[in-house]
């Protein structure tokens, strides 16, 4: 529902209903969220899948993204290698989700 309400919020405050950013719009976001919910509800995604550790390249790259410490918590924000907790797939999905919504919001 966040995708729907974000679009309504943008229209209310800007006076323009920016219904898409390129080929991806509010409807596509809602459909993808619905499909993901159905797949998860049917058990097609195993819970252990979200606990898989990310490859080393992503482990080094993700903490360099501005604001990632705010999104994931301070333990992932530019710390020394031995102080960092390993980044998991669920962390990557959260970063993509938050920054994707921010990009859609700023593109209108």
PDB file of N, CA and C in Angstrom:
ATOM      1  N   UNK A   1       0.805  -1.190   0.000  1.00  0.00           N
ATOM      2  CA  UNK A   1       0.000   0.000   0.000  1.00  0.00           C
ATOM      3  C   UNK A   1       0.849   1.255   0.000  1.00  0.00           C
ATOM      4  N   UNK A   2       2.113   1.110   0.383  1.00  0.00           N
ATOM      5  CA  UNK A   2       2.989   2.272   0.413  1.00  0.00           C
ATOM      6  C   UNK A   2       3.147   2.886  -0.970  1.00  0.00           C
ATOM      7  N   UNK A   3       3.251   2.049  -2.008  1.00  0.00           N
ATOM      8  CA  UNK A   3       3.383   2.573  -3.364  1.00  0.00           C
ATOM      9  C   UNK A   3       2.188   3.426  -3.762  1.00  0.00           C
ATOM     10  N   UNK A   4       1.002   3.002  -3.413  1.00  0.00           N
ATOM     11  CA  UNK A   4      -0.214   3.752  -3.723  1.00  0.00           C
ATOM     12  C   UNK A   4      -0.260   5.068  -2.946  1.00  0.00           C
ATOM     13  N   UNK A   5      -0.032   5.001  -1.642  1.00  0.00           N
ATOM     14  CA  UNK A   5      -0.133   6.203  -0.820  1.00  0.00           C
ATOM     15  C   UNK A   5       0.977   7.197  -1.121  1.00  0.00           C
ATOM     16  N   UNK A   6       2.160   6.710  -1.515  1.00  0.00           N
ATOM     17  CA  UNK A   6       3.233   7.626  -1.874  1.00  0.00           C
ATOM     18  C   UNK A   6       2.830   8.441  -3.105  1.00  0.00           C
ATOM     19  N   UNK A   7       2.218   7.798  -4.096  1.00  0.00           N
ATOM     20  CA  UNK A   7       1.778   8.510  -5.292  1.00  0.00           C
ATOM     21  C   UNK A   7       0.715   9.546  -4.940  1.00  0.00           C
ATOM     22  N   UNK A   8      -0.211   9.202  -4.060  1.00  0.00           N
ATOM     23  CA  UNK A   8      -1.257  10.145  -3.664  1.00  0.00           C
ATOM     24  C   UNK A   8      -0.678  11.321  -2.885  1.00  0.00           C
ATOM     25  N   UNK A   9       0.302  11.037  -2.035  1.00  0.00           N
ATOM     26  CA  UNK A   9       0.959  12.087  -1.264  1.00  0.00           C
ATOM     27  C   UNK A   9       1.668  13.062  -2.198  1.00  0.00           C
ATOM     28  N   UNK A  10       2.375  12.521  -3.199  1.00  0.00           N
ATOM     29  CA  UNK A  10       3.075  13.375  -4.157  1.00  0.00           C
ATOM     30  C   UNK A  10       2.094  14.267  -4.915  1.00  0.00           C
ATOM     31  N   UNK A  11       0.962  13.704  -5.335  1.00  0.00           N
ATOM     32  CA  UNK A  11      -0.020  14.506  -6.065  1.00  0.00           C
ATOM     33  C   UNK A  11      -0.602  15.600  -5.175  1.00  0.00           C
ATOM     34  N   UNK A  12      -0.871  15.274  -3.939  1.00  0.00           N
ATOM     35  CA  UNK A  12      -1.467  16.240  -3.018  1.00  0.00           C
ATOM     36  C   UNK A  12      -0.550  17.445  -2.810  1.00  0.00           C
ATOM     37  N   UNK A  13       0.761  17.178  -2.619  1.00  0.00           N
ATOM     38  CA  UNK A  13       1.683  18.262  -2.308  1.00  0.00           C
ATOM     39  C   UNK A  13       2.290  18.936  -3.532  1.00  0.00           C
ATOM     40  N   UNK A  14       2.338  18.270  -4.679  1.00  0.00           N
ATOM     41  CA  UNK A  14       2.925  18.891  -5.869  1.00  0.00           C
ATOM     42  C   UNK A  14       1.872  19.345  -6.862  1.00  0.00           C
ATOM     43  N   UNK A  15       0.663  18.783  -6.758  1.00  0.00           N
ATOM     44  CA  UNK A  15      -0.382  19.118  -7.711  1.00  0.00           C
ATOM     45  C   UNK A  15      -0.278  18.348  -9.009  1.00  0.00           C
ATOM     46  N   UNK A  16       0.686  17.442  -9.106  1.00  0.00           N
ATOM     47  CA  UNK A  16       0.899  16.639 -10.317  1.00  0.00           C
ATOM     48  C   UNK A  16       0.924  15.170  -9.926  1.00  0.00           C
ATOM     49  N   UNK A  17       0.167  14.352 -10.638  1.00  0.00           N
ATOM     50  CA  UNK A  17       0.210  12.911 -10.398  1.00  0.00           C
ATOM     51  C   UNK A  17       1.206  12.305 -11.375  1.00  0.00           C
ATOM     52  N   UNK A  18       2.436  12.166 -10.917  1.00  0.00           N
ATOM     53  CA  UNK A  18       3.486  11.544 -11.722  1.00  0.00           C
ATOM     54  C   UNK A  18       3.272  10.044 -11.613  1.00  0.00           C
ATOM     55  N   UNK A  19       2.596   9.472 -12.576  1.00  0.00           N
ATOM     56  CA  UNK A  19       2.173   8.086 -12.465  1.00  0.00           C
ATOM     57  C   UNK A  19       3.235   7.092 -12.856  1.00  0.00           C
ATOM     58  N   UNK A  20       4.356   7.551 -13.404  1.00  0.00           N
ATOM     59  CA  UNK A  20       5.420   6.599 -13.740  1.00  0.00           C
ATOM     60  C   UNK A  20       6.758   7.301 -13.806  1.00  0.00           C
ATOM     61  N   UNK A  21       7.787   6.507 -13.702  1.00  0.00           N
ATOM     62  CA  UNK A  21       9.156   6.953 -13.911  1.00  0.00           C
ATOM     63  C   UNK A  21       9.717   6.041 -14.977  1.00  0.00           C
ATOM     64  N   UNK A  22       9.634   6.472 -16.218  1.00  0.00           N
ATOM     65  CA  UNK A  22       9.973   5.582 -17.325  1.00  0.00           C
ATOM     66  C   UNK A  22       8.810   4.639 -17.556  1.00  0.00           C
ATOM     67  N   UNK A  23       9.087   3.349 -17.619  1.00  0.00           N
ATOM     68  CA  UNK A  23       8.044   2.354 -17.837  1.00  0.00           C
ATOM     69  C   UNK A  23       7.499   1.769 -16.537  1.00  0.00           C
ATOM     70  N   UNK A  24       8.029   2.181 -15.405  1.00  0.00           N
ATOM     71  CA  UNK A  24       7.596   1.634 -14.119  1.00  0.00           C
ATOM     72  C   UNK A  24       6.790   2.691 -13.393  1.00  0.00           C
ATOM     73  N   UNK A  25       5.558   2.341 -13.056  1.00  0.00           N
ATOM     74  CA  UNK A  25       4.677   3.292 -12.383  1.00  0.00           C
ATOM     75  C   UNK A  25       4.042   2.701 -11.146  1.00  0.00           C
ATOM     76  N   UNK A  26       3.041   3.391 -10.650  1.00  0.00           N
ATOM     77  CA  UNK A  26       2.356   2.981  -9.430  1.00  0.00           C
ATOM     78  C   UNK A  26       1.713   1.608  -9.600  1.00  0.00           C
ATOM     79  N   UNK A  27       1.079   1.377 -10.739  1.00  0.00           N
ATOM     80  CA  UNK A  27       0.409   0.097 -10.968  1.00  0.00           C
ATOM     81  C   UNK A  27       1.401  -1.054 -10.970  1.00  0.00           C
ATOM     82  N   UNK A  28       2.545  -0.868 -11.631  1.00  0.00           N
ATOM     83  CA  UNK A  28       3.556  -1.929 -11.673  1.00  0.00           C
ATOM     84  C   UNK A  28       4.120  -2.211 -10.282  1.00  0.00           C
ATOM     85  N   UNK A  29       4.299  -1.160  -9.493  1.00  0.00           N
ATOM     86  CA  UNK A  29       4.789  -1.351  -8.127  1.00  0.00           C
ATOM     87  C   UNK A  29       3.775  -2.156  -7.316  1.00  0.00           C
ATOM     88  N   UNK A  30       2.492  -1.815  -7.440  1.00  0.00           N
ATOM     89  CA  UNK A  30       1.463  -2.542  -6.692  1.00  0.00           C
ATOM     90  C   UNK A  30       1.358  -3.995  -7.143  1.00  0.00           C
ATOM     91  N   UNK A  31       1.427  -4.237  -8.460  1.00  0.00           N
ATOM     92  CA  UNK A  31       1.396  -5.623  -8.954  1.00  0.00           C
ATOM     93  C   UNK A  31       2.592  -6.415  -8.447  1.00  0.00           C
ATOM     94  N   UNK A  32       3.771  -5.823  -8.491  1.00  0.00           N
ATOM     95  CA  UNK A  32       4.958  -6.554  -8.034  1.00  0.00           C
ATOM     96  C   UNK A  32       4.881  -6.848  -6.536  1.00  0.00           C
ATOM     97  N   UNK A  33       4.348  -5.900  -5.755  1.00  0.00           N
ATOM     98  CA  UNK A  33       4.198  -6.148  -4.323  1.00  0.00           C
ATOM     99  C   UNK A  33       3.190  -7.259  -4.058  1.00  0.00           C
ATOM    100  N   UNK A  34       2.115  -7.287  -4.848  1.00  0.00           N
ATOM    101  CA  UNK A  34       1.103  -8.335  -4.678  1.00  0.00           C
ATOM    102  C   UNK A  34       1.668  -9.701  -5.036  1.00  0.00           C
ATOM    103  N   UNK A  35       2.394  -9.776  -6.135  1.00  0.00           N
ATOM    104  CA  UNK A  35       2.986 -11.058  -6.559  1.00  0.00           C
ATOM    105  C   UNK A  35       3.998 -11.528  -5.524  1.00  0.00           C
ATOM    106  N   UNK A  36       4.825 -10.612  -5.029  1.00  0.00           N
ATOM    107  CA  UNK A  36       5.826 -10.977  -4.013  1.00  0.00           C
ATOM    108  C   UNK A  36       5.119 -11.492  -2.750  1.00  0.00           C
ATOM    109  N   UNK A  37       4.031 -10.848  -2.355  1.00  0.00           N
ATOM    110  CA  UNK A  37       3.290 -11.296  -1.168  1.00  0.00           C
ATOM    111  C   UNK A  37       2.694 -12.679  -1.357  1.00  0.00           C
ATOM    112  N   UNK A  38       2.145 -12.952  -2.541  1.00  0.00           N
ATOM    113  CA  UNK A  38       1.572 -14.272  -2.824  1.00  0.00           C
ATOM    114  C   UNK A  38       2.670 -15.331  -2.812  1.00  0.00           C
ATOM    115  N   UNK A  39       3.784 -15.054  -3.473  1.00  0.00           N
ATOM    116  CA  UNK A  39       4.894 -16.022  -3.496  1.00  0.00           C
ATOM    117  C   UNK A  39       5.412 -16.308  -2.096  1.00  0.00           C
ATOM    118  N   UNK A  40       5.549 -15.267  -1.290  1.00  0.00           N
ATOM    119  CA  UNK A  40       6.030 -15.459   0.076  1.00  0.00           C
ATOM    120  C   UNK A  40       5.007 -16.222   0.905  1.00  0.00           C
ATOM    121  N   UNK A  41       3.723 -15.894   0.736  1.00  0.00           N
ATOM    122  CA  UNK A  41       2.664 -16.582   1.474  1.00  0.00           C
ATOM    123  C   UNK A  41       2.564 -18.051   1.119  1.00  0.00           C
ATOM    124  N   UNK A  42       2.837 -18.388  -0.139  1.00  0.00           N
ATOM    125  CA  UNK A  42       2.797 -19.796  -0.565  1.00  0.00           C
ATOM    126  C   UNK A  42       4.047 -20.562  -0.164  1.00  0.00           C
ATOM    127  N   UNK A  43       5.015 -19.869   0.383  1.00  0.00           N
ATOM    128  CA  UNK A  43       6.238 -20.537   0.810  1.00  0.00           C
ATOM    129  C   UNK A  43       7.206 -20.811  -0.325  1.00  0.00           C
ATOM    130  N   UNK A  44       7.088 -20.084  -1.421  1.00  0.00           N
ATOM    131  CA  UNK A  44       8.000 -20.298  -2.546  1.00  0.00           C
ATOM    132  C   UNK A  44       9.388 -19.735  -2.275  1.00  0.00           C
ATOM    133  N   UNK A  45       9.492 -18.809  -1.327  1.00  0.00           N
ATOM    134  CA  UNK A  45      10.782 -18.282  -0.908  1.00  0.00           C
ATOM    135  C   UNK A  45      11.064 -18.801   0.486  1.00  0.00           C
ATOM    136  N   UNK A  46      12.123 -19.546   0.622  1.00  0.00           N
ATOM    137  CA  UNK A  46      12.489 -20.106   1.905  1.00  0.00           C
ATOM    138  C   UNK A  46      13.055 -19.004   2.807  1.00  0.00           C
ATOM    139  N   UNK A  47      12.789 -19.063   4.085  1.00  0.00           N
ATOM    140  CA  UNK A  47      13.262 -18.033   5.016  1.00  0.00           C
ATOM    141  C   UNK A  47      14.783 -17.961   5.039  1.00  0.00           C
ATOM    142  N   UNK A  48      15.434 -19.087   4.832  1.00  0.00           N
ATOM    143  CA  UNK A  48      16.895 -19.089   4.842  1.00  0.00           C
ATOM    144  C   UNK A  48      17.474 -18.324   3.655  1.00  0.00           C
ATOM    145  N   UNK A  49      16.680 -18.165   2.596  1.00  0.00           N
ATOM    146  CA  UNK A  49      17.133 -17.407   1.430  1.00  0.00           C
ATOM    147  C   UNK A  49      17.497 -15.983   1.825  1.00  0.00           C
ATOM    148  N   UNK A  50      16.720 -15.378   2.691  1.00  0.00           N
ATOM    149  CA  UNK A  50      16.957 -14.004   3.099  1.00  0.00           C
ATOM    150  C   UNK A  50      18.152 -13.867   4.040  1.00  0.00           C
ATOM    151  N   UNK A  51      18.650 -14.987   4.559  1.00  0.00           N
ATOM    152  CA  UNK A  51      19.790 -14.961   5.466  1.00  0.00           C
ATOM    153  C   UNK A  51      21.094 -15.325   4.774  1.00  0.00           C
ATOM    154  N   UNK A  52      21.074 -15.431   3.448  1.00  0.00           N
ATOM    155  CA  UNK A  52      22.304 -15.720   2.702  1.00  0.00           C
ATOM    156  C   UNK A  52      23.240 -14.519   2.769  1.00  0.00           C
ATOM    157  N   UNK A  53      24.520 -14.788   2.990  1.00  0.00           N
ATOM    158  CA  UNK A  53      25.498 -13.708   3.043  1.00  0.00           C
ATOM    159  C   UNK A  53      25.820 -13.242   1.626  1.00  0.00           C
ATOM    160  N   UNK A  54      25.968 -11.939   1.472  1.00  0.00           N
ATOM    161  CA  UNK A  54      26.242 -11.358   0.162  1.00  0.00           C
ATOM    162  C   UNK A  54      27.693 -11.604  -0.251  1.00  0.00           C
ATOM    163  N   UNK A  55      27.965 -11.580  -1.559  1.00  0.00           N
ATOM    164  CA  UNK A  55      29.351 -11.728  -2.024  1.00  0.00           C
ATOM    165  C   UNK A  55      30.246 -10.600  -1.500  1.00  0.00           C
ATOM    166  N   UNK A  56      31.537 -10.849  -1.481  1.00  0.00           N
ATOM    167  CA  UNK A  56      32.508  -9.912  -0.917  1.00  0.00           C
ATOM    168  C   UNK A  56      32.446  -8.535  -1.579  1.00  0.00           C
ATOM    169  N   UNK A  57      32.239  -8.497  -2.905  1.00  0.00           N
ATOM    170  CA  UNK A  57      32.206  -7.214  -3.608  1.00  0.00           C
ATOM    171  C   UNK A  57      31.057  -6.339  -3.087  1.00  0.00           C
ATOM    172  N   UNK A  58      29.898  -6.940  -2.869  1.00  0.00           N
ATOM    173  CA  UNK A  58      28.768  -6.183  -2.321  1.00  0.00           C
ATOM    174  C   UNK A  58      28.995  -5.830  -0.857  1.00  0.00           C
ATOM    175  N   UNK A  59      29.682  -6.711  -0.126  1.00  0.00           N
ATOM    176  CA  UNK A  59      29.998  -6.432   1.280  1.00  0.00           C
ATOM    177  C   UNK A  59      30.846  -5.167   1.389  1.00  0.00           C
ATOM    178  N   UNK A  60      31.721  -4.942   0.397  1.00  0.00           N
ATOM    179  CA  UNK A  60      32.589  -3.768   0.423  1.00  0.00           C
ATOM    180  C   UNK A  60      31.892  -2.536  -0.153  1.00  0.00           C
ATOM    181  N   UNK A  61      30.994  -2.730  -1.109  1.00  0.00           N
ATOM    182  CA  UNK A  61      30.399  -1.604  -1.823  1.00  0.00           C
ATOM    183  C   UNK A  61      29.220  -0.970  -1.085  1.00  0.00           C
ATOM    184  N   UNK A  62      28.346  -1.770  -0.508  1.00  0.00           N
ATOM    185  CA  UNK A  62      27.111  -1.253   0.107  1.00  0.00           C
ATOM    186  C   UNK A  62      27.386  -0.252   1.230  1.00  0.00           C
ATOM    187  N   UNK A  63      28.352  -0.474   2.136  1.00  0.00           N
ATOM    188  CA  UNK A  63      28.579   0.537   3.191  1.00  0.00           C
ATOM    189  C   UNK A  63      29.052   1.887   2.658  1.00  0.00           C
ATOM    190  N   UNK A  64      29.490   1.969   1.403  1.00  0.00           N
ATOM    191  CA  UNK A  64      29.947   3.237   0.830  1.00  0.00           C
ATOM    192  C   UNK A  64      28.792   4.087   0.313  1.00  0.00           C
ATOM    193  N   UNK A  65      27.585   3.539   0.251  1.00  0.00           N
ATOM    194  CA  UNK A  65      26.420   4.289  -0.212  1.00  0.00           C
ATOM    195  C   UNK A  65      26.057   5.326   0.844  1.00  0.00           C
ATOM    196  N   UNK A  66      25.878   6.595   0.439  1.00  0.00           N
ATOM    197  CA  UNK A  66      25.526   7.623   1.428  1.00  0.00           C
ATOM    198  C   UNK A  66      24.207   7.310   2.130  1.00  0.00           C
ATOM    199  N   UNK A  67      24.215   7.401   3.444  1.00  0.00           N
ATOM    200  CA  UNK A  67      23.004   7.199   4.229  1.00  0.00           C
ATOM    201  C   UNK A  67      22.676   5.759   4.553  1.00  0.00           C
ATOM    202  N   UNK A  68      23.515   4.812   4.154  1.00  0.00           N
ATOM    203  CA  UNK A  68      23.178   3.404   4.396  1.00  0.00           C
ATOM    204  C   UNK A  68      23.212   3.078   5.892  1.00  0.00           C
ATOM    205  N   UNK A  69      23.984   3.801   6.651  1.00  0.00           N
ATOM    206  CA  UNK A  69      23.998   3.598   8.096  1.00  0.00           C
ATOM    207  C   UNK A  69      22.664   3.948   8.724  1.00  0.00           C
ATOM    208  N   UNK A  70      21.994   4.954   8.171  1.00  0.00           N
ATOM    209  CA  UNK A  70      20.669   5.326   8.659  1.00  0.00           C
ATOM    210  C   UNK A  70      19.642   4.251   8.302  1.00  0.00           C
ATOM    211  N   UNK A  71      19.776   3.666   7.101  1.00  0.00           N
ATOM    212  CA  UNK A  71      18.818   2.662   6.630  1.00  0.00           C
ATOM    213  C   UNK A  71      19.013   1.338   7.344  1.00  0.00           C
ATOM    214  N   UNK A  72      20.252   0.864   7.454  1.00  0.00           N
ATOM    215  CA  UNK A  72      20.526  -0.453   8.025  1.00  0.00           C
ATOM    216  C   UNK A  72      20.930  -0.424   9.491  1.00  0.00           C
ATOM    217  N   UNK A  73      21.305   0.724   9.987  1.00  0.00           N
ATOM    218  CA  UNK A  73      21.790   0.820  11.358  1.00  0.00           C
ATOM    219  C   UNK A  73      23.263   1.183  11.357  1.00  0.00           C
ATOM    220  N   UNK A  74      23.716   1.761  12.431  1.00  0.00           N
ATOM    221  CA  UNK A  74      25.083   2.282  12.489  1.00  0.00           C
ATOM    222  C   UNK A  74      26.156   1.212  12.365  1.00  0.00           C
ATOM    223  N   UNK A  75      25.849  -0.036  12.675  1.00  0.00           N
ATOM    224  CA  UNK A  75      26.890  -1.068  12.604  1.00  0.00           C
ATOM    225  C   UNK A  75      27.329  -1.367  11.175  1.00  0.00           C
ATOM    226  N   UNK A  76      26.591  -0.863  10.181  1.00  0.00           N
ATOM    227  CA  UNK A  76      26.953  -1.087   8.787  1.00  0.00           C
ATOM    228  C   UNK A  76      27.505   0.161   8.121  1.00  0.00           C
ATOM    229  N   UNK A  77      27.759   1.203   8.867  1.00  0.00           N
ATOM    230  CA  UNK A  77      28.143   2.479   8.281  1.00  0.00           C
ATOM    231  C   UNK A  77      29.637   2.732   8.423  1.00  0.00           C
ATOM    232  N   UNK A  78      30.411   2.402   7.405  1.00  0.00           N
ATOM    233  CA  UNK A  78      31.839   2.729   7.280  1.00  0.00           C
ATOM    234  C   UNK A  78      32.672   2.328   8.499  1.00  0.00           C
ATOM    235  N   UNK A  79      32.527   1.119   8.961  1.00  0.00           N
ATOM    236  CA  UNK A  79      33.349   0.659  10.069  1.00  0.00           C
ATOM    237  C   UNK A  79      34.508  -0.173   9.540  1.00  0.00           C
ATOM    238  N   UNK A  80      35.449  -0.448  10.420  1.00  0.00           N
ATOM    239  CA  UNK A  80      36.571  -1.300  10.032  1.00  0.00           C
ATOM    240  C   UNK A  80      36.066  -2.700   9.709  1.00  0.00           C
ATOM    241  N   UNK A  81      36.833  -3.422   8.899  1.00  0.00           N
ATOM    242  CA  UNK A  81      36.402  -4.719   8.380  1.00  0.00           C
ATOM    243  C   UNK A  81      36.040  -5.712   9.487  1.00  0.00           C
ATOM    244  N   UNK A  82      36.825  -5.780  10.547  1.00  0.00           N
ATOM    245  CA  UNK A  82      36.553  -6.773  11.588  1.00  0.00           C
ATOM    246  C   UNK A  82      35.423  -6.336  12.525  1.00  0.00           C
ATOM    247  N   UNK A  83      34.999  -5.073  12.453  1.00  0.00           N
ATOM    248  CA  UNK A  83      33.893  -4.609  13.291  1.00  0.00           C
ATOM    249  C   UNK A  83      32.534  -4.815  12.647  1.00  0.00           C
ATOM    250  N   UNK A  84      32.511  -5.040  11.332  1.00  0.00           N
ATOM    251  CA  UNK A  84      31.242  -5.110  10.600  1.00  0.00           C
ATOM    252  C   UNK A  84      30.567  -6.461  10.750  1.00  0.00           C
ATOM    253  N   UNK A  85      29.262  -6.422  10.905  1.00  0.00           N
ATOM    254  CA  UNK A  85      28.469  -7.652  10.818  1.00  0.00           C
ATOM    255  C   UNK A  85      28.306  -7.965   9.327  1.00  0.00           C
ATOM    256  N   UNK A  86      28.215  -9.241   8.946  1.00  0.00           N
ATOM    257  CA  UNK A  86      28.072  -9.558   7.523  1.00  0.00           C
ATOM    258  C   UNK A  86      26.736  -9.065   6.974  1.00  0.00           C
ATOM    259  N   UNK A  87      26.784  -8.540   5.768  1.00  0.00           N
ATOM    260  CA  UNK A  87      25.559  -8.095   5.101  1.00  0.00           C
ATOM    261  C   UNK A  87      24.858  -9.300   4.488  1.00  0.00           C
ATOM    262  N   UNK A  88      23.556  -9.370   4.669  1.00  0.00           N
ATOM    263  CA  UNK A  88      22.765 -10.483   4.175  1.00  0.00           C
ATOM    264  C   UNK A  88      21.879 -10.021   3.024  1.00  0.00           C
ATOM    265  N   UNK A  89      21.246 -10.970   2.356  1.00  0.00           N
ATOM    266  CA  UNK A  89      20.370 -10.645   1.237  1.00  0.00           C
ATOM    267  C   UNK A  89      19.245  -9.711   1.669  1.00  0.00           C
ATOM    268  N   UNK A  90      18.719  -9.901   2.861  1.00  0.00           N
ATOM    269  CA  UNK A  90      17.633  -9.028   3.320  1.00  0.00           C
ATOM    270  C   UNK A  90      18.090  -7.581   3.456  1.00  0.00           C
ATOM    271  N   UNK A  91      19.361  -7.364   3.787  1.00  0.00           N
ATOM    272  CA  UNK A  91      19.886  -6.006   3.861  1.00  0.00           C
ATOM    273  C   UNK A  91      19.933  -5.366   2.469  1.00  0.00           C
ATOM    274  N   UNK A  92      20.357  -6.139   1.482  1.00  0.00           N
ATOM    275  CA  UNK A  92      20.385  -5.637   0.110  1.00  0.00           C
ATOM    276  C   UNK A  92      18.980  -5.281  -0.365  1.00  0.00           C
ATOM    277  N   UNK A  93      18.000  -6.128  -0.059  1.00  0.00           N
ATOM    278  CA  UNK A  93      16.618  -5.858  -0.473  1.00  0.00           C
ATOM    279  C   UNK A  93      16.079  -4.589   0.181  1.00  0.00           C
ATOM    280  N   UNK A  94      16.428  -4.357   1.433  1.00  0.00           N
ATOM    281  CA  UNK A  94      15.983  -3.142   2.121  1.00  0.00           C
ATOM    282  C   UNK A  94      16.611  -1.913   1.485  1.00  0.00           C
ATOM    283  N   UNK A  95      17.903  -1.975   1.188  1.00  0.00           N
ATOM    284  CA  UNK A  95      18.589  -0.837   0.560  1.00  0.00           C
ATOM    285  C   UNK A  95      17.981  -0.539  -0.805  1.00  0.00           C
ATOM    286  N   UNK A  96      17.749  -1.570  -1.611  1.00  0.00           N
ATOM    287  CA  UNK A  96      17.156  -1.369  -2.943  1.00  0.00           C
ATOM    288  C   UNK A  96      15.755  -0.780  -2.812  1.00  0.00           C
ATOM    289  N   UNK A  97      14.979  -1.270  -1.863  1.00  0.00           N
ATOM    290  CA  UNK A  97      13.611  -0.783  -1.670  1.00  0.00           C
ATOM    291  C   UNK A  97      13.600   0.690  -1.259  1.00  0.00           C
ATOM    292  N   UNK A  98      14.386   1.058  -0.251  1.00  0.00           N
ATOM    293  CA  UNK A  98      14.388   2.432   0.257  1.00  0.00           C
ATOM    294  C   UNK A  98      14.920   3.399  -0.796  1.00  0.00           C
ATOM    295  N   UNK A  99      16.050   3.054  -1.415  1.00  0.00           N
ATOM    296  CA  UNK A  99      16.633   3.963  -2.387  1.00  0.00           C
ATOM    297  C   UNK A  99      15.819   3.984  -3.674  1.00  0.00           C
ATOM    298  N   UNK A 100      15.147   2.899  -4.007  1.00  0.00           N
ATOM    299  CA  UNK A 100      14.273   2.889  -5.178  1.00  0.00           C
ATOM    300  C   UNK A 100      13.090   3.813  -5.004  1.00  0.00           C
ATOM    301  N   UNK A 101      12.468   3.775  -3.830  1.00  0.00           N
ATOM    302  CA  UNK A 101      11.366   4.701  -3.547  1.00  0.00           C
ATOM    303  C   UNK A 101      11.853   6.146  -3.528  1.00  0.00           C
ATOM    304  N   UNK A 102      13.024   6.373  -2.981  1.00  0.00           N
ATOM    305  CA  UNK A 102      13.567   7.740  -2.955  1.00  0.00           C
ATOM    306  C   UNK A 102      13.804   8.236  -4.379  1.00  0.00           C
ATOM    307  N   UNK A 103      14.322   7.372  -5.236  1.00  0.00           N
ATOM    308  CA  UNK A 103      14.563   7.754  -6.632  1.00  0.00           C
ATOM    309  C   UNK A 103      13.252   8.060  -7.349  1.00  0.00           C
ATOM    310  N   UNK A 104      12.232   7.237  -7.131  1.00  0.00           N
ATOM    311  CA  UNK A 104      10.935   7.505  -7.742  1.00  0.00           C
ATOM    312  C   UNK A 104      10.340   8.820  -7.226  1.00  0.00           C
ATOM    313  N   UNK A 105      10.504   9.086  -5.943  1.00  0.00           N
ATOM    314  CA  UNK A 105       9.958  10.313  -5.364  1.00  0.00           C
ATOM    315  C   UNK A 105      10.669  11.550  -5.897  1.00  0.00           C
ATOM    316  N   UNK A 106      11.967  11.456  -6.117  1.00  0.00           N
ATOM    317  CA  UNK A 106      12.733  12.606  -6.577  1.00  0.00           C
ATOM    318  C   UNK A 106      12.642  12.815  -8.083  1.00  0.00           C
ATOM    319  N   UNK A 107      12.147  11.821  -8.808  1.00  0.00           N
ATOM    320  CA  UNK A 107      12.139  11.929 -10.267  1.00  0.00           C
ATOM    321  C   UNK A 107      10.936  12.695 -10.805  1.00  0.00           C
ATOM    322  N   UNK A 108      10.015  13.077  -9.922  1.00  0.00           N
ATOM    323  CA  UNK A 108       8.828  13.783 -10.438  1.00  0.00           C
ATOM    324  C   UNK A 108       9.034  15.261 -10.554  1.00  0.00           C
TER     325      UNK A 108
END
